C-alpha atoms as a PDB file:
ATOM      1  CA  UNK A   1     217.488  86.416 104.171  1.00  0.00           C
ATOM      2  CA  UNK A   2     216.194  83.438 106.335  1.00  0.00           C
ATOM      3  CA  UNK A   3     217.284  83.504 109.864  1.00  0.00           C
ATOM      4  CA  UNK A   4     218.223  80.222 111.820  1.00  0.00           C
ATOM      5  CA  UNK A   5     216.653  79.901 115.291  1.00  0.00           C
ATOM      6  CA  UNK A   6     219.007  80.868 118.149  1.00  0.00           C
ATOM      7  CA  UNK A   7     219.223  77.431 119.508  1.00  0.00           C
ATOM      8  CA  UNK A   8     220.710  76.034 116.288  1.00  0.00           C
ATOM      9  CA  UNK A   9     223.350  78.797 116.613  1.00  0.00           C
ATOM     10  CA  UNK A  10     223.854  77.808 120.317  1.00  0.00           C
ATOM     11  CA  UNK A  11     224.126  74.162 119.318  1.00  0.00           C
ATOM     12  CA  UNK A  12     226.987  74.850 116.720  1.00  0.00           C
ATOM     13  CA  UNK A  13     228.922  76.903 119.273  1.00  0.00           C
ATOM     14  CA  UNK A  14     228.615  74.016 121.923  1.00  0.00           C
ATOM     15  CA  UNK A  15     229.932  71.438 119.397  1.00  0.00           C
ATOM     16  CA  UNK A  16     232.855  73.500 118.307  1.00  0.00           C
ATOM     17  CA  UNK A  17     233.638  74.188 121.909  1.00  0.00           C
ATOM     18  CA  UNK A  18     233.460  70.407 122.601  1.00  0.00           C
ATOM     19  CA  UNK A  19     235.769  69.709 119.734  1.00  0.00           C
ATOM     20  CA  UNK A  20     238.227  72.280 120.832  1.00  0.00           C
ATOM     21  CA  UNK A  21     238.168  70.976 124.455  1.00  0.00           C
ATOM     22  CA  UNK A  22     238.842  67.372 123.250  1.00  0.00           C
ATOM     23  CA  UNK A  23     241.717  68.391 121.218  1.00  0.00           C
ATOM     24  CA  UNK A  24     243.259  70.447 123.986  1.00  0.00           C
ATOM     25  CA  UNK A  25     242.975  67.660 126.415  1.00  0.00           C
ATOM     26  CA  UNK A  26     244.230  64.892 124.218  1.00  0.00           C
ATOM     27  CA  UNK A  27     246.902  62.920 126.066  1.00  0.00           C
ATOM     28  CA  UNK A  28     250.464  63.148 124.890  1.00  0.00           C
ATOM     29  CA  UNK A  29     251.270  59.847 126.487  1.00  0.00           C
ATOM     30  CA  UNK A  30     249.211  56.661 126.344  1.00  0.00           C
ATOM     31  CA  UNK A  31     250.464  53.866 128.557  1.00  0.00           C
ATOM     32  CA  UNK A  32     250.094  50.212 127.495  1.00  0.00           C
ATOM     33  CA  UNK A  33     249.452  47.267 129.612  1.00  0.00           C
ATOM     34  CA  UNK A  34     251.536  45.108 127.564  1.00  0.00           C
ATOM     35  CA  UNK A  35     255.183  46.349 127.593  1.00  0.00           C
ATOM     36  CA  UNK A  36     255.690  44.409 124.271  1.00  0.00           C
ATOM     37  CA  UNK A  37     252.830  45.966 122.448  1.00  0.00           C
ATOM     38  CA  UNK A  38     253.793  48.641 120.021  1.00  0.00           C
ATOM     39  CA  UNK A  39     251.821  51.058 117.823  1.00  0.00           C
ATOM     40  CA  UNK A  40     252.874  50.655 114.104  1.00  0.00           C
ATOM     41  CA  UNK A  41     253.250  54.011 112.277  1.00  0.00           C
ATOM     42  CA  UNK A  42     252.122  53.610 108.928  1.00  0.00           C
ATOM     43  CA  UNK A  43     253.763  55.603 106.100  1.00  0.00           C
ATOM     44  CA  UNK A  44     251.463  57.999 104.371  1.00  0.00           C
ATOM     45  CA  UNK A  45     251.932  57.359 100.706  1.00  0.00           C
ATOM     46  CA  UNK A  46     250.090  60.469  99.698  1.00  0.00           C
ATOM     47  CA  UNK A  47     252.834  62.711 101.327  1.00  0.00           C
ATOM     48  CA  UNK A  48     255.434  64.160  99.026  1.00  0.00           C
ATOM     49  CA  UNK A  49     258.879  64.918 100.478  1.00  0.00           C
ATOM     50  CA  UNK A  50     260.854  67.817  99.289  1.00  0.00           C
ATOM     51  CA  UNK A  51     264.267  69.328 100.401  1.00  0.00           C
ATOM     52  CA  UNK A  52     264.721  73.142 100.757  1.00  0.00           C
ATOM     53  CA  UNK A  53     267.846  74.670  99.325  1.00  0.00           C
ATOM     54  CA  UNK A  54     270.932  74.268 101.499  1.00  0.00           C
ATOM     55  CA  UNK A  55     271.508  76.536 104.576  1.00  0.00           C
ATOM     56  CA  UNK A  56     275.086  77.219 105.785  1.00  0.00           C
ATOM     57  CA  UNK A  57     275.783  78.416 109.143  1.00  0.00           C
ATOM     58  CA  UNK A  58     278.206  81.226 109.538  1.00  0.00           C
ATOM     59  CA  UNK A  59     281.930  79.995 110.133  1.00  0.00           C
ATOM     60  CA  UNK A  60     280.967  76.525 109.247  1.00  0.00           C
ATOM     61  CA  UNK A  61     282.154  74.104 106.354  1.00  0.00           C
ATOM     62  CA  UNK A  62     278.894  72.334 105.975  1.00  0.00           C
ATOM     63  CA  UNK A  63     275.577  72.694 104.160  1.00  0.00           C
ATOM     64  CA  UNK A  64     272.421  71.563 105.672  1.00  0.00           C
ATOM     65  CA  UNK A  65     269.319  70.457 103.645  1.00  0.00           C
ATOM     66  CA  UNK A  66     265.976  70.536 105.500  1.00  0.00           C
ATOM     67  CA  UNK A  67     263.851  67.591 104.370  1.00  0.00           C
ATOM     68  CA  UNK A  68     260.013  67.833 104.947  1.00  0.00           C
ATOM     69  CA  UNK A  69     256.526  67.244 103.438  1.00  0.00           C
ATOM     70  CA  UNK A  70     255.018  69.456 100.735  1.00  0.00           C
ATOM     71  CA  UNK A  71     251.906  70.956 102.074  1.00  0.00           C
ATOM     72  CA  UNK A  72     248.670  71.734  99.867  1.00  0.00           C
ATOM     73  CA  UNK A  73     247.665  69.889  96.903  1.00  0.00           C
ATOM     74  CA  UNK A  74     250.470  69.077  94.525  1.00  0.00           C
ATOM     75  CA  UNK A  75     248.630  66.758  92.232  1.00  0.00           C
ATOM     76  CA  UNK A  76     246.388  69.376  90.529  1.00  0.00           C
ATOM     77  CA  UNK A  77     247.284  72.881  89.355  1.00  0.00           C
ATOM     78  CA  UNK A  78     243.540  73.568  89.472  1.00  0.00           C
ATOM     79  CA  UNK A  79     243.217  72.954  93.101  1.00  0.00           C
ATOM     80  CA  UNK A  80     242.178  75.759  95.549  1.00  0.00           C
ATOM     81  CA  UNK A  81     244.984  74.689  97.836  1.00  0.00           C
ATOM     82  CA  UNK A  82     248.203  75.621  96.086  1.00  0.00           C
ATOM     83  CA  UNK A  83     251.320  73.432  97.014  1.00  0.00           C
ATOM     84  CA  UNK A  84     253.970  74.840  99.087  1.00  0.00           C
ATOM     85  CA  UNK A  85     257.378  73.868  98.291  1.00  0.00           C
ATOM     86  CA  UNK A  86     259.134  75.380 101.482  1.00  0.00           C
ATOM     87  CA  UNK A  87     259.399  73.117 104.492  1.00  0.00           C
ATOM     88  CA  UNK A  88     261.436  75.305 106.747  1.00  0.00           C
ATOM     89  CA  UNK A  89     262.423  78.703 107.959  1.00  0.00           C
ATOM     90  CA  UNK A  90     265.836  80.097 109.050  1.00  0.00           C
ATOM     91  CA  UNK A  91     266.852  82.947 111.239  1.00  0.00           C
ATOM     92  CA  UNK A  92     269.165  83.650 114.319  1.00  0.00           C
ATOM     93  CA  UNK A  93     271.218  80.305 113.462  1.00  0.00           C
ATOM     94  CA  UNK A  94     267.934  78.269 113.974  1.00  0.00           C
ATOM     95  CA  UNK A  95     266.273  76.172 111.416  1.00  0.00           C
ATOM     96  CA  UNK A  96     262.572  75.533 112.373  1.00  0.00           C
ATOM     97  CA  UNK A  97     259.710  73.515 110.760  1.00  0.00           C
ATOM     98  CA  UNK A  98     258.125  70.017 111.050  1.00  0.00           C
ATOM     99  CA  UNK A  99     261.016  68.351 109.262  1.00  0.00           C
ATOM    100  CA  UNK A 100     261.477  64.496 108.737  1.00  0.00           C
ATOM    101  CA  UNK A 101     265.133  64.729 108.604  1.00  0.00           C
ATOM    102  CA  UNK A 102     268.244  67.084 107.830  1.00  0.00           C
ATOM    103  CA  UNK A 103     270.826  66.106 105.151  1.00  0.00           C
ATOM    104  CA  UNK A 104     274.587  67.343 105.286  1.00  0.00           C
ATOM    105  CA  UNK A 105     277.212  67.923 102.726  1.00  0.00           C
ATOM    106  CA  UNK A 106     280.644  69.247 103.429  1.00  0.00           C
ATOM    107  CA  UNK A 107     281.531  72.137 101.269  1.00  0.00           C
ATOM    108  CA  UNK A 108     283.680  70.852  98.337  1.00  0.00           C
ATOM    109  CA  UNK A 109     282.348  67.399  98.462  1.00  0.00           C
ATOM    110  CA  UNK A 110     279.654  65.504  96.483  1.00  0.00           C
ATOM    111  CA  UNK A 111     278.503  63.227  99.342  1.00  0.00           C
ATOM    112  CA  UNK A 112     275.029  64.113 100.831  1.00  0.00           C
ATOM    113  CA  UNK A 113     273.905  62.111 104.050  1.00  0.00           C
ATOM    114  CA  UNK A 114     271.185  62.048 106.377  1.00  0.00           C
ATOM    115  CA  UNK A 115     271.248  63.022 110.098  1.00  0.00           C
ATOM    116  CA  UNK A 116     269.368  59.749 111.110  1.00  0.00           C
ATOM    117  CA  UNK A 117     267.605  56.685 109.859  1.00  0.00           C
ATOM    118  CA  UNK A 118     265.031  56.819 112.513  1.00  0.00           C
ATOM    119  CA  UNK A 119     261.498  58.417 112.261  1.00  0.00           C
ATOM    120  CA  UNK A 120     261.655  61.826 113.735  1.00  0.00           C
ATOM    121  CA  UNK A 121     259.868  65.118 113.562  1.00  0.00           C
ATOM    122  CA  UNK A 122     262.403  67.962 113.913  1.00  0.00           C
ATOM    123  CA  UNK A 123     260.890  71.256 115.054  1.00  0.00           C
ATOM    124  CA  UNK A 124     264.106  73.095 115.817  1.00  0.00           C
ATOM    125  CA  UNK A 125     267.759  72.835 114.875  1.00  0.00           C
ATOM    126  CA  UNK A 126     269.897  75.523 116.699  1.00  0.00           C
ATOM    127  CA  UNK A 127     273.575  76.211 115.836  1.00  0.00           C
ATOM    128  CA  UNK A 128     275.370  77.038 119.162  1.00  0.00           C
ATOM    129  CA  UNK A 129     277.219  80.055 117.705  1.00  0.00           C
ATOM    130  CA  UNK A 130     278.488  81.490 121.100  1.00  0.00           C
ATOM    131  CA  UNK A 131     279.853  78.210 121.872  1.00  0.00           C
ATOM    132  CA  UNK A 132     281.759  77.900 118.622  1.00  0.00           C
ATOM    133  CA  UNK A 133     283.159  81.362 118.933  1.00  0.00           C
ATOM    134  CA  UNK A 134     284.623  80.521 122.300  1.00  0.00           C
ATOM    135  CA  UNK A 135     285.635  77.030 122.033  1.00  0.00           C
ATOM    136  CA  UNK A 136     285.658  76.206 118.359  1.00  0.00           C
ATOM    137  CA  UNK A 137     283.126  73.462 118.984  1.00  0.00           C
ATOM    138  CA  UNK A 138     280.349  73.552 116.266  1.00  0.00           C
ATOM    139  CA  UNK A 139     277.461  72.077 117.631  1.00  0.00           C
ATOM    140  CA  UNK A 140     273.673  71.656 116.740  1.00  0.00           C
ATOM    141  CA  UNK A 141     270.890  71.166 119.420  1.00  0.00           C
ATOM    142  CA  UNK A 142     267.423  69.874 118.226  1.00  0.00           C
ATOM    143  CA  UNK A 143     264.108  69.707 119.649  1.00  0.00           C
ATOM    144  CA  UNK A 144     262.113  66.836 118.178  1.00  0.00           C
ATOM    145  CA  UNK A 145     259.514  64.053 118.451  1.00  0.00           C
ATOM    146  CA  UNK A 146     261.086  60.546 118.208  1.00  0.00           C
ATOM    147  CA  UNK A 147     258.167  58.215 119.593  1.00  0.00           C
ATOM    148  CA  UNK A 148     254.600  57.854 118.998  1.00  0.00           C
ATOM    149  CA  UNK A 149     253.810  58.614 122.517  1.00  0.00           C
ATOM    150  CA  UNK A 150     250.133  59.206 122.150  1.00  0.00           C
ATOM    151  CA  UNK A 151     249.697  55.907 120.070  1.00  0.00           C
ATOM    152  CA  UNK A 152     247.749  57.436 117.248  1.00  0.00           C
ATOM    153  CA  UNK A 153     249.891  55.777 114.602  1.00  0.00           C
ATOM    154  CA  UNK A 154     251.678  58.834 113.318  1.00  0.00           C
ATOM    155  CA  UNK A 155     254.592  61.149 114.549  1.00  0.00           C
ATOM    156  CA  UNK A 156     253.305  64.786 114.976  1.00  0.00           C
ATOM    157  CA  UNK A 157     253.440  67.783 117.330  1.00  0.00           C
ATOM    158  CA  UNK A 158     251.164  66.042 119.589  1.00  0.00           C
ATOM    159  CA  UNK A 159     253.749  63.694 120.707  1.00  0.00           C
ATOM    160  CA  UNK A 160     256.491  64.331 123.412  1.00  0.00           C
ATOM    161  CA  UNK A 161     259.349  66.682 122.540  1.00  0.00           C
ATOM    162  CA  UNK A 162     262.892  65.440 123.298  1.00  0.00           C
ATOM    163  CA  UNK A 163     266.322  67.170 123.221  1.00  0.00           C
ATOM    164  CA  UNK A 164     269.105  65.935 121.017  1.00  0.00           C
ATOM    165  CA  UNK A 165     272.593  67.162 120.037  1.00  0.00           C
ATOM    166  CA  UNK A 166     275.049  66.700 117.177  1.00  0.00           C
ATOM    167  CA  UNK A 167     278.213  68.083 115.505  1.00  0.00           C
ATOM    168  CA  UNK A 168     277.621  70.557 112.798  1.00  0.00           C
ATOM    169  CA  UNK A 169     278.413  67.700 110.359  1.00  0.00           C
ATOM    170  CA  UNK A 170     275.478  65.787 111.742  1.00  0.00           C
ATOM    171  CA  UNK A 171     277.635  63.295 113.611  1.00  0.00           C
ATOM    172  CA  UNK A 172     277.232  61.977 117.165  1.00  0.00           C
ATOM    173  CA  UNK A 173     273.425  62.558 116.910  1.00  0.00           C
ATOM    174  CA  UNK A 174     272.781  61.771 120.790  1.00  0.00           C
ATOM    175  CA  UNK A 175     269.564  61.808 122.720  1.00  0.00           C
ATOM    176  CA  UNK A 176     269.798  63.947 125.962  1.00  0.00           C
ATOM    177  CA  UNK A 177     266.448  63.892 127.469  1.00  0.00           C
ATOM    178  CA  UNK A 178     264.957  60.774 129.031  1.00  0.00           C
ATOM    179  CA  UNK A 179     262.344  58.857 127.241  1.00  0.00           C
ATOM    180  CA  UNK A 180     258.738  59.812 128.051  1.00  0.00           C
ATOM    181  CA  UNK A 181     259.879  63.133 129.556  1.00  0.00           C
ATOM    182  CA  UNK A 182     258.709  66.342 127.760  1.00  0.00           C
ATOM    183  CA  UNK A 183     261.347  69.014 127.217  1.00  0.00           C
ATOM    184  CA  UNK A 184     260.429  72.163 128.753  1.00  0.00           C
ATOM    185  CA  UNK A 185     263.415  74.446 127.682  1.00  0.00           C
ATOM    186  CA  UNK A 186     267.046  74.693 127.464  1.00  0.00           C
ATOM    187  CA  UNK A 187     270.011  77.219 127.599  1.00  0.00           C
ATOM    188  CA  UNK A 188     273.676  77.482 127.325  1.00  0.00           C
ATOM    189  CA  UNK A 189     276.079  78.761 130.127  1.00  0.00           C
ATOM    190  CA  UNK A 190     278.817  80.025 127.936  1.00  0.00           C
ATOM    191  CA  UNK A 191     281.392  80.751 130.676  1.00  0.00           C
ATOM    192  CA  UNK A 192     281.120  77.034 131.767  1.00  0.00           C
ATOM    193  CA  UNK A 193     280.475  75.478 128.409  1.00  0.00           C
ATOM    194  CA  UNK A 194     277.525  73.785 130.029  1.00  0.00           C
ATOM    195  CA  UNK A 195     274.086  73.132 128.295  1.00  0.00           C
ATOM    196  CA  UNK A 196     271.073  73.058 130.840  1.00  0.00           C
ATOM    197  CA  UNK A 197     267.623  71.833 130.260  1.00  0.00           C
ATOM    198  CA  UNK A 198     264.593  70.931 132.029  1.00  0.00           C
ATOM    199  CA  UNK A 199     261.931  68.026 131.501  1.00  0.00           C
ATOM    200  CA  UNK A 200     258.636  67.262 133.099  1.00  0.00           C
ATOM    201  CA  UNK A 201     257.588  63.660 133.995  1.00  0.00           C
ATOM    202  CA  UNK A 202     254.042  62.438 133.920  1.00  0.00           C
ATOM    203  CA  UNK A 203     254.066  61.289 137.607  1.00  0.00           C
ATOM    204  CA  UNK A 204     250.350  60.966 137.806  1.00  0.00           C
ATOM    205  CA  UNK A 205     250.257  58.644 134.641  1.00  0.00           C
ATOM    206  CA  UNK A 206     247.205  60.478 133.224  1.00  0.00           C
ATOM    207  CA  UNK A 207     248.792  61.048 129.825  1.00  0.00           C
ATOM    208  CA  UNK A 208     249.195  64.807 130.278  1.00  0.00           C
ATOM    209  CA  UNK A 209     251.626  67.245 132.044  1.00  0.00           C
ATOM    210  CA  UNK A 210     250.421  69.548 134.686  1.00  0.00           C
ATOM    211  CA  UNK A 211     251.253  71.106 138.081  1.00  0.00           C
ATOM    212  CA  UNK A 212     251.292  67.935 140.182  1.00  0.00           C
ATOM    213  CA  UNK A 213     253.866  66.409 137.789  1.00  0.00           C
ATOM    214  CA  UNK A 214     257.694  66.158 138.318  1.00  0.00           C
ATOM    215  CA  UNK A 215     260.069  68.621 136.831  1.00  0.00           C
ATOM    216  CA  UNK A 216     263.853  67.366 136.302  1.00  0.00           C
ATOM    217  CA  UNK A 217     266.859  69.358 135.792  1.00  0.00           C
ATOM    218  CA  UNK A 218     269.973  68.436 133.917  1.00  0.00           C
ATOM    219  CA  UNK A 219     273.249  69.713 132.638  1.00  0.00           C
ATOM    220  CA  UNK A 220     275.705  68.544 130.178  1.00  0.00           C
ATOM    221  CA  UNK A 221     279.179  69.365 129.802  1.00  0.00           C
ATOM    222  CA  UNK A 222     279.938  70.309 126.021  1.00  0.00           C
ATOM    223  CA  UNK A 223     283.731  69.895 126.815  1.00  0.00           C
ATOM    224  CA  UNK A 224     283.446  66.105 127.331  1.00  0.00           C
ATOM    225  CA  UNK A 225     283.818  63.528 124.577  1.00  0.00           C
ATOM    226  CA  UNK A 226     280.564  61.885 125.530  1.00  0.00           C
ATOM    227  CA  UNK A 227     277.635  64.105 126.128  1.00  0.00           C
ATOM    228  CA  UNK A 228     276.147  62.568 129.375  1.00  0.00           C
ATOM    229  CA  UNK A 229     273.381  64.448 131.085  1.00  0.00           C
ATOM    230  CA  UNK A 230     273.707  64.909 134.909  1.00  0.00           C
ATOM    231  CA  UNK A 231     270.519  65.451 136.906  1.00  0.00           C
ATOM    232  CA  UNK A 232     270.723  68.033 139.668  1.00  0.00           C
ATOM    233  CA  UNK A 233     268.315  69.118 142.378  1.00  0.00           C
ATOM    234  CA  UNK A 234     268.042  72.934 142.755  1.00  0.00           C
ATOM    235  CA  UNK A 235     264.938  72.799 144.873  1.00  0.00           C
ATOM    236  CA  UNK A 236     266.666  70.607 147.751  1.00  0.00           C
END
């Protein structure tokens, strides 16, 4: 067997390492000098949308259809890449995936309608079961991308994640986190019926999020008719 010189192997390692480093340091935000300038997201006509079979959260009266994009090669049965018709996973009252939308249908009715008409990429949709048990409020909390923040012409998991909330019926779909702030995490304080979350702001304007940027803290009263985040300052 022919052996390649060691310097060729070293070259390959360096190239791969460089590619991985470039991918890892790709900015999540690109700031434009012209505030009116917008990057147009071009629809990928090769993508085939598919809906998973409906999901019903325990104790609710609505079915939820995850809507995503078929992966693999769906055009040829002879392809090495078999198509996947599944776009989501479900467990512990949470739907996960890279979803373009969710659609809702009240049990016993024929109408199916979309959560939003905006371009989004939903990574998680979580049913607040503990809140429903204590207050009879049936709510969904979402982590998703809603802006092409890195200006690459597409919406994907390289863009900033935001926090949203809606009713179990998909109504009152409301953004909670500020624009251009990356969602860190969120949690529910059941005894107070409050949703707490943290975001990080790119204070250095370098397009990435690091130790020198600003962490913001918010809470939202789920008892209020309008879900309005209130910023607080636990470090002061």
